[in-house]
Amino acid sequence: MLVEENIKDFKTALTICEHLINYKLIPIIDR
């Protein structure tokens, strides 16, 4: 059970990182 919860948290963290990267990169590319 603990492993499954850790995997969910890891995927959530990855998703947040992807959104942050996209949010920072898109304005740079648009310029």
PDB file of N, CA and C in Angstrom:
ATOM      1  N   MET A   1       0.831  -1.208   0.000  1.00  0.00           N
ATOM      2  CA  MET A   1       0.000   0.000   0.000  1.00  0.00           C
ATOM      3  C   MET A   1       0.864   1.255   0.000  1.00  0.00           C
ATOM      4  N   LEU A   2       1.897   1.254   0.814  1.00  0.00           N
ATOM      5  CA  LEU A   2       2.769   2.436   0.899  1.00  0.00           C
ATOM      6  C   LEU A   2       3.418   2.714  -0.446  1.00  0.00           C
ATOM      7  N   VAL A   3       3.834   1.646  -1.129  1.00  0.00           N
ATOM      8  CA  VAL A   3       4.480   1.836  -2.431  1.00  0.00           C
ATOM      9  C   VAL A   3       3.522   2.495  -3.415  1.00  0.00           C
ATOM     10  N   GLU A   4       2.279   2.036  -3.423  1.00  0.00           N
ATOM     11  CA  GLU A   4       1.295   2.605  -4.359  1.00  0.00           C
ATOM     12  C   GLU A   4       1.082   4.081  -4.073  1.00  0.00           C
ATOM     13  N   GLU A   5       1.026   4.446  -2.786  1.00  0.00           N
ATOM     14  CA  GLU A   5       0.825   5.852  -2.420  1.00  0.00           C
ATOM     15  C   GLU A   5       2.025   6.679  -2.864  1.00  0.00           C
ATOM     16  N   ASN A   6       3.222   6.129  -2.701  1.00  0.00           N
ATOM     17  CA  ASN A   6       4.426   6.849  -3.116  1.00  0.00           C
ATOM     18  C   ASN A   6       4.427   7.072  -4.619  1.00  0.00           C
ATOM     19  N   ILE A   7       3.995   6.064  -5.378  1.00  0.00           N
ATOM     20  CA  ILE A   7       3.949   6.180  -6.843  1.00  0.00           C
ATOM     21  C   ILE A   7       2.964   7.276  -7.235  1.00  0.00           C
ATOM     22  N   LYS A   8       1.816   7.331  -6.554  1.00  0.00           N
ATOM     23  CA  LYS A   8       0.821   8.370  -6.859  1.00  0.00           C
ATOM     24  C   LYS A   8       1.411   9.745  -6.586  1.00  0.00           C
ATOM     25  N   ASP A   9       2.078   9.897  -5.442  1.00  0.00           N
ATOM     26  CA  ASP A   9       2.681  11.186  -5.097  1.00  0.00           C
ATOM     27  C   ASP A   9       3.758  11.549  -6.116  1.00  0.00           C
ATOM     28  N   PHE A  10       4.533  10.546  -6.549  1.00  0.00           N
ATOM     29  CA  PHE A  10       5.603  10.792  -7.518  1.00  0.00           C
ATOM     30  C   PHE A  10       5.024  11.262  -8.845  1.00  0.00           C
ATOM     31  N   LYS A  11       3.955  10.603  -9.292  1.00  0.00           N
ATOM     32  CA  LYS A  11       3.317  11.000 -10.558  1.00  0.00           C
ATOM     33  C   LYS A  11       2.729  12.397 -10.435  1.00  0.00           C
ATOM     34  N   THR A  12       2.155  12.688  -9.279  1.00  0.00           N
ATOM     35  CA  THR A  12       1.577  14.016  -9.061  1.00  0.00           C
ATOM     36  C   THR A  12       2.675  15.071  -9.117  1.00  0.00           C
ATOM     37  N   ALA A  13       3.797  14.787  -8.478  1.00  0.00           N
ATOM     38  CA  ALA A  13       4.934  15.723  -8.481  1.00  0.00           C
ATOM     39  C   ALA A  13       5.437  15.919  -9.907  1.00  0.00           C
ATOM     40  N   LEU A  14       5.530  14.840 -10.679  1.00  0.00           N
ATOM     41  CA  LEU A  14       5.982  14.944 -12.067  1.00  0.00           C
ATOM     42  C   LEU A  14       5.033  15.813 -12.872  1.00  0.00           C
ATOM     43  N   THR A  15       3.739  15.609 -12.681  1.00  0.00           N
ATOM     44  CA  THR A  15       2.743  16.395 -13.418  1.00  0.00           C
ATOM     45  C   THR A  15       2.879  17.868 -13.080  1.00  0.00           C
ATOM     46  N   ILE A  16       3.055  18.175 -11.791  1.00  0.00           N
ATOM     47  CA  ILE A  16       3.210  19.578 -11.365  1.00  0.00           C
ATOM     48  C   ILE A  16       4.469  20.167 -11.997  1.00  0.00           C
ATOM     49  N   CYS A  17       5.549  19.407 -11.998  1.00  0.00           N
ATOM     50  CA  CYS A  17       6.801  19.883 -12.600  1.00  0.00           C
ATOM     51  C   CYS A  17       6.600  20.175 -14.084  1.00  0.00           C
ATOM     52  N   GLU A  18       5.894  19.278 -14.775  1.00  0.00           N
ATOM     53  CA  GLU A  18       5.650  19.475 -16.211  1.00  0.00           C
ATOM     54  C   GLU A  18       4.857  20.755 -16.438  1.00  0.00           C
ATOM     55  N   HIS A  19       3.845  20.986 -15.616  1.00  0.00           N
ATOM     56  CA  HIS A  19       3.029  22.197 -15.770  1.00  0.00           C
ATOM     57  C   HIS A  19       3.881  23.436 -15.522  1.00  0.00           C
ATOM     58  N   LEU A  20       4.742  23.378 -14.491  1.00  0.00           N
ATOM     59  CA  LEU A  20       5.590  24.535 -14.174  1.00  0.00           C
ATOM     60  C   LEU A  20       6.563  24.800 -15.319  1.00  0.00           C
ATOM     61  N   ILE A  21       7.153  23.734 -15.857  1.00  0.00           N
ATOM     62  CA  ILE A  21       8.104  23.890 -16.969  1.00  0.00           C
ATOM     63  C   ILE A  21       7.390  24.476 -18.182  1.00  0.00           C
ATOM     64  N   ASN A  22       6.213  23.947 -18.503  1.00  0.00           N
ATOM     65  CA  ASN A  22       5.455  24.455 -19.649  1.00  0.00           C
ATOM     66  C   ASN A  22       5.095  25.912 -19.425  1.00  0.00           C
ATOM     67  N   TYR A  23       4.709  26.245 -18.197  1.00  0.00           N
ATOM     68  CA  TYR A  23       4.284  27.612 -17.878  1.00  0.00           C
ATOM     69  C   TYR A  23       5.453  28.579 -18.045  1.00  0.00           C
ATOM     70  N   LYS A  24       6.669  28.102 -17.740  1.00  0.00           N
ATOM     71  CA  LYS A  24       7.849  28.975 -17.849  1.00  0.00           C
ATOM     72  C   LYS A  24       8.393  29.008 -19.280  1.00  0.00           C
ATOM     73  N   LEU A  25       8.312  27.890 -19.991  1.00  0.00           N
ATOM     74  CA  LEU A  25       8.897  27.808 -21.330  1.00  0.00           C
ATOM     75  C   LEU A  25       8.026  28.475 -22.391  1.00  0.00           C
ATOM     76  N   ILE A  26       6.714  28.336 -22.274  1.00  0.00           N
ATOM     77  CA  ILE A  26       5.823  28.857 -23.312  1.00  0.00           C
ATOM     78  C   ILE A  26       6.030  30.356 -23.547  1.00  0.00           C
ATOM     79  N   PRO A  27       6.073  31.200 -22.499  1.00  0.00           N
ATOM     80  CA  PRO A  27       6.289  32.639 -22.737  1.00  0.00           C
ATOM     81  C   PRO A  27       7.624  32.896 -23.429  1.00  0.00           C
ATOM     82  N   ILE A  28       8.651  32.130 -23.089  1.00  0.00           N
ATOM     83  CA  ILE A  28       9.974  32.320 -23.711  1.00  0.00           C
ATOM     84  C   ILE A  28       9.904  31.981 -25.199  1.00  0.00           C
ATOM     85  N   ILE A  29       9.209  30.896 -25.533  1.00  0.00           N
ATOM     86  CA  ILE A  29       9.096  30.470 -26.933  1.00  0.00           C
ATOM     87  C   ILE A  29       8.265  31.478 -27.723  1.00  0.00           C
ATOM     88  N   ASP A  30       7.200  32.001 -27.107  1.00  0.00           N
ATOM     89  CA  ASP A  30       6.328  32.953 -27.800  1.00  0.00           C
ATOM     90  C   ASP A  30       7.093  34.219 -28.173  1.00  0.00           C
ATOM     91  N   ARG A  31       8.065  34.586 -27.342  1.00  0.00           N
ATOM     92  CA  ARG A  31       8.859  35.775 -27.652  1.00  0.00           C
ATOM     93  C   ARG A  31       9.741  35.483 -28.858  1.00  0.00           C
TER      94      ARG A  31
END
